[in-house]
Amino acid sequence: MASDVVVQQPSLPKRVVNFYNEVVVEMKKVTWPERPQVVQLSIGVIALSLFIGAVIWLLDLILQGVLVRGIPSLFGA
């Protein structure tokens, strides 16, 4: 019969401190973008969001005209 080996975990505060230390080490390895790149990409995201919003608004306007106003007028309502 195999003997059961019980491995004790460190206490919660020690695990939290260990996790924090590992996060700090990993964050030092990160290559952060420069400010001009962040600004350029942010402007791109905002512009793309506005463009997609305008397309959805235009499609909504067209479909509203066709479905709400156009189809009932075909049946004399």
PDB file of N, CA and C in Angstrom:
ATOM      1  N   MET A   1       0.837  -1.165   0.000  1.00  0.00           N
ATOM      2  CA  MET A   1       0.000   0.000   0.000  1.00  0.00           C
ATOM      3  C   MET A   1       0.896   1.247   0.000  1.00  0.00           C
ATOM      4  N   ALA A   2       0.552   2.199  -0.881  1.00  0.00           N
ATOM      5  CA  ALA A   2       1.357   3.412  -0.989  1.00  0.00           C
ATOM      6  C   ALA A   2       1.057   4.334   0.185  1.00  0.00           C
ATOM      7  N   SER A   3       2.100   4.975   0.638  1.00  0.00           N
ATOM      8  CA  SER A   3       1.888   5.896   1.752  1.00  0.00           C
ATOM      9  C   SER A   3       1.412   7.241   1.215  1.00  0.00           C
ATOM     10  N   ASP A   4       0.478   7.822   1.914  1.00  0.00           N
ATOM     11  CA  ASP A   4      -0.061   9.121   1.513  1.00  0.00           C
ATOM     12  C   ASP A   4       0.852  10.216   2.046  1.00  0.00           C
ATOM     13  N   VAL A   5       1.299  11.063   1.127  1.00  0.00           N
ATOM     14  CA  VAL A   5       2.157  12.172   1.522  1.00  0.00           C
ATOM     15  C   VAL A   5       1.313  13.437   1.499  1.00  0.00           C
ATOM     16  N   VAL A   6       1.279  14.108   2.617  1.00  0.00           N
ATOM     17  CA  VAL A   6       0.510  15.343   2.727  1.00  0.00           C
ATOM     18  C   VAL A   6       1.481  16.510   2.614  1.00  0.00           C
ATOM     19  N   VAL A   7       1.245  17.348   1.590  1.00  0.00           N
ATOM     20  CA  VAL A   7       2.088  18.527   1.391  1.00  0.00           C
ATOM     21  C   VAL A   7       1.338  19.717   1.955  1.00  0.00           C
ATOM     22  N   GLN A   8       1.978  20.398   2.888  1.00  0.00           N
ATOM     23  CA  GLN A   8       1.350  21.557   3.494  1.00  0.00           C
ATOM     24  C   GLN A   8       1.555  22.791   2.627  1.00  0.00           C
ATOM     25  N   GLN A   9       0.484  23.522   2.399  1.00  0.00           N
ATOM     26  CA  GLN A   9       0.585  24.780   1.667  1.00  0.00           C
ATOM     27  C   GLN A   9       1.011  25.874   2.626  1.00  0.00           C
ATOM     28  N   PRO A  10       1.739  26.863   2.091  1.00  0.00           N
ATOM     29  CA  PRO A  10       2.069  28.011   2.946  1.00  0.00           C
ATOM     30  C   PRO A  10       0.786  28.753   3.330  1.00  0.00           C
ATOM     31  N   SER A  11       0.879  29.537   4.358  1.00  0.00           N
ATOM     32  CA  SER A  11      -0.298  30.281   4.819  1.00  0.00           C
ATOM     33  C   SER A  11      -0.725  31.301   3.767  1.00  0.00           C
ATOM     34  N   LEU A  12      -1.954  31.763   3.886  1.00  0.00           N
ATOM     35  CA  LEU A  12      -2.510  32.721   2.922  1.00  0.00           C
ATOM     36  C   LEU A  12      -1.681  33.998   2.812  1.00  0.00           C
ATOM     37  N   PRO A  13      -1.271  34.621   3.907  1.00  0.00           N
ATOM     38  CA  PRO A  13      -0.454  35.841   3.759  1.00  0.00           C
ATOM     39  C   PRO A  13       0.852  35.584   3.007  1.00  0.00           C
ATOM     40  N   LYS A  14       1.485  34.437   3.235  1.00  0.00           N
ATOM     41  CA  LYS A  14       2.729  34.131   2.519  1.00  0.00           C
ATOM     42  C   LYS A  14       2.466  33.926   1.038  1.00  0.00           C
ATOM     43  N   ARG A  15       1.338  33.297   0.702  1.00  0.00           N
ATOM     44  CA  ARG A  15       0.994  33.102  -0.716  1.00  0.00           C
ATOM     45  C   ARG A  15       0.695  34.432  -1.394  1.00  0.00           C
ATOM     46  N   VAL A  16       0.021  35.334  -0.687  1.00  0.00           N
ATOM     47  CA  VAL A  16      -0.290  36.658  -1.259  1.00  0.00           C
ATOM     48  C   VAL A  16       1.000  37.434  -1.503  1.00  0.00           C
ATOM     49  N   VAL A  17       1.910  37.419  -0.542  1.00  0.00           N
ATOM     50  CA  VAL A  17       3.188  38.126  -0.696  1.00  0.00           C
ATOM     51  C   VAL A  17       3.986  37.513  -1.838  1.00  0.00           C
ATOM     52  N   ASN A  18       3.995  36.185  -1.947  1.00  0.00           N
ATOM     53  CA  ASN A  18       4.699  35.512  -3.033  1.00  0.00           C
ATOM     54  C   ASN A  18       4.096  35.897  -4.389  1.00  0.00           C
ATOM     55  N   PHE A  19       2.763  35.915  -4.460  1.00  0.00           N
ATOM     56  CA  PHE A  19       2.096  36.309  -5.703  1.00  0.00           C
ATOM     57  C   PHE A  19       2.466  37.741  -6.084  1.00  0.00           C
ATOM     58  N   TYR A  20       2.436  38.648  -5.112  1.00  0.00           N
ATOM     59  CA  TYR A  20       2.783  40.044  -5.369  1.00  0.00           C
ATOM     60  C   TYR A  20       4.215  40.164  -5.890  1.00  0.00           C
ATOM     61  N   ASN A  21       5.136  39.457  -5.271  1.00  0.00           N
ATOM     62  CA  ASN A  21       6.533  39.508  -5.710  1.00  0.00           C
ATOM     63  C   ASN A  21       6.691  38.980  -7.134  1.00  0.00           C
ATOM     64  N   GLU A  22       5.958  37.926  -7.475  1.00  0.00           N
ATOM     65  CA  GLU A  22       6.015  37.392  -8.840  1.00  0.00           C
ATOM     66  C   GLU A  22       5.433  38.384  -9.840  1.00  0.00           C
ATOM     67  N   VAL A  23       4.373  39.089  -9.443  1.00  0.00           N
ATOM     68  CA  VAL A  23       3.772  40.103 -10.322  1.00  0.00           C
ATOM     69  C   VAL A  23       4.764  41.228 -10.577  1.00  0.00           C
ATOM     70  N   VAL A  24       5.458  41.682  -9.547  1.00  0.00           N
ATOM     71  CA  VAL A  24       6.447  42.751  -9.694  1.00  0.00           C
ATOM     72  C   VAL A  24       7.555  42.324 -10.653  1.00  0.00           C
ATOM     73  N   VAL A  25       8.025  41.091 -10.521  1.00  0.00           N
ATOM     74  CA  VAL A  25       9.082  40.586 -11.405  1.00  0.00           C
ATOM     75  C   VAL A  25       8.593  40.559 -12.851  1.00  0.00           C
ATOM     76  N   GLU A  26       7.379  40.082 -13.075  1.00  0.00           N
ATOM     77  CA  GLU A  26       6.857  40.005 -14.444  1.00  0.00           C
ATOM     78  C   GLU A  26       6.607  41.394 -15.033  1.00  0.00           C
ATOM     79  N   MET A  27       6.134  42.345 -14.208  1.00  0.00           N
ATOM     80  CA  MET A  27       5.866  43.691 -14.712  1.00  0.00           C
ATOM     81  C   MET A  27       7.147  44.403 -15.116  1.00  0.00           C
ATOM     82  N   LYS A  28       8.274  44.038 -14.513  1.00  0.00           N
ATOM     83  CA  LYS A  28       9.551  44.624 -14.918  1.00  0.00           C
ATOM     84  C   LYS A  28       9.996  44.119 -16.282  1.00  0.00           C
ATOM     85  N   LYS A  29       9.461  42.977 -16.721  1.00  0.00           N
ATOM     86  CA  LYS A  29       9.823  42.404 -18.017  1.00  0.00           C
ATOM     87  C   LYS A  29       8.999  43.002 -19.160  1.00  0.00           C
ATOM     88  N   VAL A  30       7.917  43.692 -18.824  1.00  0.00           N
ATOM     89  CA  VAL A  30       7.005  44.217 -19.836  1.00  0.00           C
ATOM     90  C   VAL A  30       7.658  45.376 -20.579  1.00  0.00           C
ATOM     91  N   THR A  31       7.503  45.388 -21.900  1.00  0.00           N
ATOM     92  CA  THR A  31       7.948  46.517 -22.714  1.00  0.00           C
ATOM     93  C   THR A  31       6.738  47.413 -22.943  1.00  0.00           C
ATOM     94  N   TRP A  32       6.714  48.558 -22.294  1.00  0.00           N
ATOM     95  CA  TRP A  32       5.574  49.457 -22.387  1.00  0.00           C
ATOM     96  C   TRP A  32       5.711  50.333 -23.619  1.00  0.00           C
ATOM     97  N   PRO A  33       4.592  50.658 -24.306  1.00  0.00           N
ATOM     98  CA  PRO A  33       4.657  51.516 -25.489  1.00  0.00           C
ATOM     99  C   PRO A  33       4.965  52.955 -25.110  1.00  0.00           C
ATOM    100  N   GLU A  34       5.532  53.672 -26.070  1.00  0.00           N
ATOM    101  CA  GLU A  34       5.826  55.089 -25.852  1.00  0.00           C
ATOM    102  C   GLU A  34       4.539  55.908 -25.970  1.00  0.00           C
ATOM    103  N   ARG A  35       4.554  57.112 -25.412  1.00  0.00           N
ATOM    104  CA  ARG A  35       3.356  57.952 -25.402  1.00  0.00           C
ATOM    105  C   ARG A  35       2.807  58.246 -26.808  1.00  0.00           C
ATOM    106  N   PRO A  36       3.662  58.590 -27.806  1.00  0.00           N
ATOM    107  CA  PRO A  36       3.105  58.859 -29.144  1.00  0.00           C
ATOM    108  C   PRO A  36       2.367  57.639 -29.728  1.00  0.00           C
ATOM    109  N   GLN A  37       2.871  56.460 -29.459  1.00  0.00           N
ATOM    110  CA  GLN A  37       2.200  55.257 -29.960  1.00  0.00           C
ATOM    111  C   GLN A  37       0.852  55.070 -29.268  1.00  0.00           C
ATOM    112  N   VAL A  38       0.798  55.319 -27.972  1.00  0.00           N
ATOM    113  CA  VAL A  38      -0.465  55.195 -27.240  1.00  0.00           C
ATOM    114  C   VAL A  38      -1.484  56.198 -27.761  1.00  0.00           C
ATOM    115  N   VAL A  39      -1.045  57.436 -27.989  1.00  0.00           N
ATOM    116  CA  VAL A  39      -1.951  58.473 -28.499  1.00  0.00           C
ATOM    117  C   VAL A  39      -2.448  58.099 -29.885  1.00  0.00           C
ATOM    118  N   GLN A  40      -1.555  57.653 -30.766  1.00  0.00           N
ATOM    119  CA  GLN A  40      -1.931  57.293 -32.133  1.00  0.00           C
ATOM    120  C   GLN A  40      -2.933  56.141 -32.136  1.00  0.00           C
ATOM    121  N   LEU A  41      -2.674  55.110 -31.357  1.00  0.00           N
ATOM    122  CA  LEU A  41      -3.575  53.966 -31.332  1.00  0.00           C
ATOM    123  C   LEU A  41      -4.911  54.318 -30.672  1.00  0.00           C
ATOM    124  N   SER A  42      -4.888  55.191 -29.674  1.00  0.00           N
ATOM    125  CA  SER A  42      -6.131  55.615 -29.035  1.00  0.00           C
ATOM    126  C   SER A  42      -7.005  56.397 -30.013  1.00  0.00           C
ATOM    127  N   ILE A  43      -6.385  57.278 -30.784  1.00  0.00           N
ATOM    128  CA  ILE A  43      -7.131  58.033 -31.789  1.00  0.00           C
ATOM    129  C   ILE A  43      -7.714  57.075 -32.830  1.00  0.00           C
ATOM    130  N   GLY A  44      -6.948  56.076 -33.215  1.00  0.00           N
ATOM    131  CA  GLY A  44      -7.445  55.086 -34.172  1.00  0.00           C
ATOM    132  C   GLY A  44      -8.644  54.318 -33.645  1.00  0.00           C
ATOM    133  N   VAL A  45      -8.589  53.921 -32.381  1.00  0.00           N
ATOM    134  CA  VAL A  45      -9.706  53.187 -31.778  1.00  0.00           C
ATOM    135  C   VAL A  45     -10.949  54.073 -31.697  1.00  0.00           C
ATOM    136  N   ILE A  46     -10.774  55.322 -31.301  1.00  0.00           N
ATOM    137  CA  ILE A  46     -11.913  56.239 -31.212  1.00  0.00           C
ATOM    138  C   ILE A  46     -12.506  56.486 -32.589  1.00  0.00           C
ATOM    139  N   ALA A  47     -11.662  56.704 -33.597  1.00  0.00           N
ATOM    140  CA  ALA A  47     -12.145  56.947 -34.957  1.00  0.00           C
ATOM    141  C   ALA A  47     -12.889  55.724 -35.496  1.00  0.00           C
ATOM    142  N   LEU A  48     -12.338  54.546 -35.280  1.00  0.00           N
ATOM    143  CA  LEU A  48     -12.999  53.327 -35.750  1.00  0.00           C
ATOM    144  C   LEU A  48     -14.335  53.135 -35.047  1.00  0.00           C
ATOM    145  N   SER A  49     -14.393  53.413 -33.755  1.00  0.00           N
ATOM    146  CA  SER A  49     -15.647  53.282 -33.008  1.00  0.00           C
ATOM    147  C   SER A  49     -16.697  54.256 -33.535  1.00  0.00           C
ATOM    148  N   LEU A  50     -16.292  55.487 -33.812  1.00  0.00           N
ATOM    149  CA  LEU A  50     -17.232  56.469 -34.366  1.00  0.00           C
ATOM    150  C   LEU A  50     -17.703  56.060 -35.748  1.00  0.00           C
ATOM    151  N   PHE A  51     -16.806  55.521 -36.567  1.00  0.00           N
ATOM    152  CA  PHE A  51     -17.179  55.074 -37.911  1.00  0.00           C
ATOM    153  C   PHE A  51     -18.182  53.928 -37.841  1.00  0.00           C
ATOM    154  N   ILE A  52     -17.912  52.941 -37.003  1.00  0.00           N
ATOM    155  CA  ILE A  52     -18.832  51.805 -36.885  1.00  0.00           C
ATOM    156  C   ILE A  52     -20.172  52.266 -36.323  1.00  0.00           C
ATOM    157  N   GLY A  53     -20.150  53.204 -35.370  1.00  0.00           N
ATOM    158  CA  GLY A  53     -21.392  53.765 -34.846  1.00  0.00           C
ATOM    159  C   GLY A  53     -22.189  54.477 -35.927  1.00  0.00           C
ATOM    160  N   ALA A  54     -21.508  55.213 -36.802  1.00  0.00           N
ATOM    161  CA  ALA A  54     -22.191  55.911 -37.895  1.00  0.00           C
ATOM    162  C   ALA A  54     -22.791  54.924 -38.883  1.00  0.00           C
ATOM    163  N   VAL A  55     -22.084  53.842 -39.180  1.00  0.00           N
ATOM    164  CA  VAL A  55     -22.608  52.817 -40.092  1.00  0.00           C
ATOM    165  C   VAL A  55     -23.853  52.173 -39.494  1.00  0.00           C
ATOM    166  N   ILE A  56     -23.806  51.836 -38.213  1.00  0.00           N
ATOM    167  CA  ILE A  56     -24.974  51.226 -37.560  1.00  0.00           C
ATOM    168  C   ILE A  56     -26.142  52.201 -37.545  1.00  0.00           C
ATOM    169  N   TRP A  57     -25.866  53.471 -37.261  1.00  0.00           N
ATOM    170  CA  TRP A  57     -26.923  54.488 -37.267  1.00  0.00           C
ATOM    171  C   TRP A  57     -27.557  54.612 -38.654  1.00  0.00           C
ATOM    172  N   LEU A  58     -26.715  54.608 -39.695  1.00  0.00           N
ATOM    173  CA  LEU A  58     -27.226  54.720 -41.061  1.00  0.00           C
ATOM    174  C   LEU A  58     -28.068  53.507 -41.437  1.00  0.00           C
ATOM    175  N   LEU A  59     -27.596  52.308 -41.093  1.00  0.00           N
ATOM    176  CA  LEU A  59     -28.383  51.100 -41.374  1.00  0.00           C
ATOM    177  C   LEU A  59     -29.701  51.122 -40.609  1.00  0.00           C
ATOM    178  N   ASP A  60     -29.689  51.582 -39.376  1.00  0.00           N
ATOM    179  CA  ASP A  60     -30.906  51.688 -38.582  1.00  0.00           C
ATOM    180  C   ASP A  60     -31.888  52.650 -39.231  1.00  0.00           C
ATOM    181  N   LEU A  61     -31.380  53.781 -39.715  1.00  0.00           N
ATOM    182  CA  LEU A  61     -32.231  54.771 -40.375  1.00  0.00           C
ATOM    183  C   LEU A  61     -32.860  54.195 -41.641  1.00  0.00           C
ATOM    184  N   ILE A  62     -32.063  53.507 -42.441  1.00  0.00           N
ATOM    185  CA  ILE A  62     -32.568  52.911 -43.684  1.00  0.00           C
ATOM    186  C   ILE A  62     -33.598  51.825 -43.388  1.00  0.00           C
ATOM    187  N   LEU A  63     -33.279  50.920 -42.461  1.00  0.00           N
ATOM    188  CA  LEU A  63     -34.207  49.837 -42.146  1.00  0.00           C
ATOM    189  C   LEU A  63     -35.477  50.362 -41.492  1.00  0.00           C
ATOM    190  N   GLN A  64     -35.362  51.413 -40.715  1.00  0.00           N
ATOM    191  CA  GLN A  64     -36.550  52.014 -40.122  1.00  0.00           C
ATOM    192  C   GLN A  64     -37.461  52.563 -41.217  1.00  0.00           C
ATOM    193  N   GLY A  65     -36.866  53.220 -42.196  1.00  0.00           N
ATOM    194  CA  GLY A  65     -37.662  53.757 -43.294  1.00  0.00           C
ATOM    195  C   GLY A  65     -38.335  52.664 -44.093  1.00  0.00           C
ATOM    196  N   VAL A  66     -37.640  51.564 -44.300  1.00  0.00           N
ATOM    197  CA  VAL A  66     -38.209  50.467 -45.094  1.00  0.00           C
ATOM    198  C   VAL A  66     -39.234  49.685 -44.281  1.00  0.00           C
ATOM    199  N   LEU A  67     -38.894  49.272 -43.098  1.00  0.00           N
ATOM    200  CA  LEU A  67     -39.749  48.362 -42.334  1.00  0.00           C
ATOM    201  C   LEU A  67     -40.900  49.067 -41.621  1.00  0.00           C
ATOM    202  N   VAL A  68     -40.670  50.244 -41.081  1.00  0.00           N
ATOM    203  CA  VAL A  68     -41.710  50.912 -40.298  1.00  0.00           C
ATOM    204  C   VAL A  68     -42.621  51.746 -41.184  1.00  0.00           C
ATOM    205  N   ARG A  69     -42.050  52.388 -42.167  1.00  0.00           N
ATOM    206  CA  ARG A  69     -42.852  53.291 -43.006  1.00  0.00           C
ATOM    207  C   ARG A  69     -43.200  52.679 -44.352  1.00  0.00           C
ATOM    208  N   GLY A  70     -42.276  51.927 -44.942  1.00  0.00           N
ATOM    209  CA  GLY A  70     -42.482  51.420 -46.305  1.00  0.00           C
ATOM    210  C   GLY A  70     -43.458  50.257 -46.387  1.00  0.00           C
ATOM    211  N   ILE A  71     -43.286  49.270 -45.575  1.00  0.00           N
ATOM    212  CA  ILE A  71     -44.115  48.073 -45.656  1.00  0.00           C
ATOM    213  C   ILE A  71     -45.566  48.366 -45.285  1.00  0.00           C
ATOM    214  N   PRO A  72     -45.861  49.091 -44.200  1.00  0.00           N
ATOM    215  CA  PRO A  72     -47.290  49.376 -43.917  1.00  0.00           C
ATOM    216  C   PRO A  72     -47.977  50.185 -45.021  1.00  0.00           C
ATOM    217  N   SER A  73     -47.235  51.037 -45.713  1.00  0.00           N
ATOM    218  CA  SER A  73     -47.869  51.810 -46.803  1.00  0.00           C
ATOM    219  C   SER A  73     -48.249  50.926 -47.971  1.00  0.00           C
ATOM    220  N   LEU A  74     -47.614  49.759 -48.117  1.00  0.00           N
ATOM    221  CA  LEU A  74     -47.979  48.823 -49.165  1.00  0.00           C
ATOM    222  C   LEU A  74     -49.352  48.203 -48.915  1.00  0.00           C
ATOM    223  N   PHE A  75     -49.725  48.086 -47.665  1.00  0.00           N
ATOM    224  CA  PHE A  75     -50.991  47.459 -47.308  1.00  0.00           C
ATOM    225  C   PHE A  75     -52.076  48.482 -46.959  1.00  0.00           C
ATOM    226  N   GLY A  76     -51.803  49.740 -47.205  1.00  0.00           N
ATOM    227  CA  GLY A  76     -52.798  50.776 -47.007  1.00  0.00           C
ATOM    228  C   GLY A  76     -53.039  51.159 -45.552  1.00  0.00           C
ATOM    229  N   ALA A  77     -52.104  50.839 -44.707  1.00  0.00           N
ATOM    230  CA  ALA A  77     -52.298  51.178 -43.284  1.00  0.00           C
ATOM    231  C   ALA A  77     -51.816  52.555 -42.965  1.00  0.00           C
TER     232      ALA A  77
END
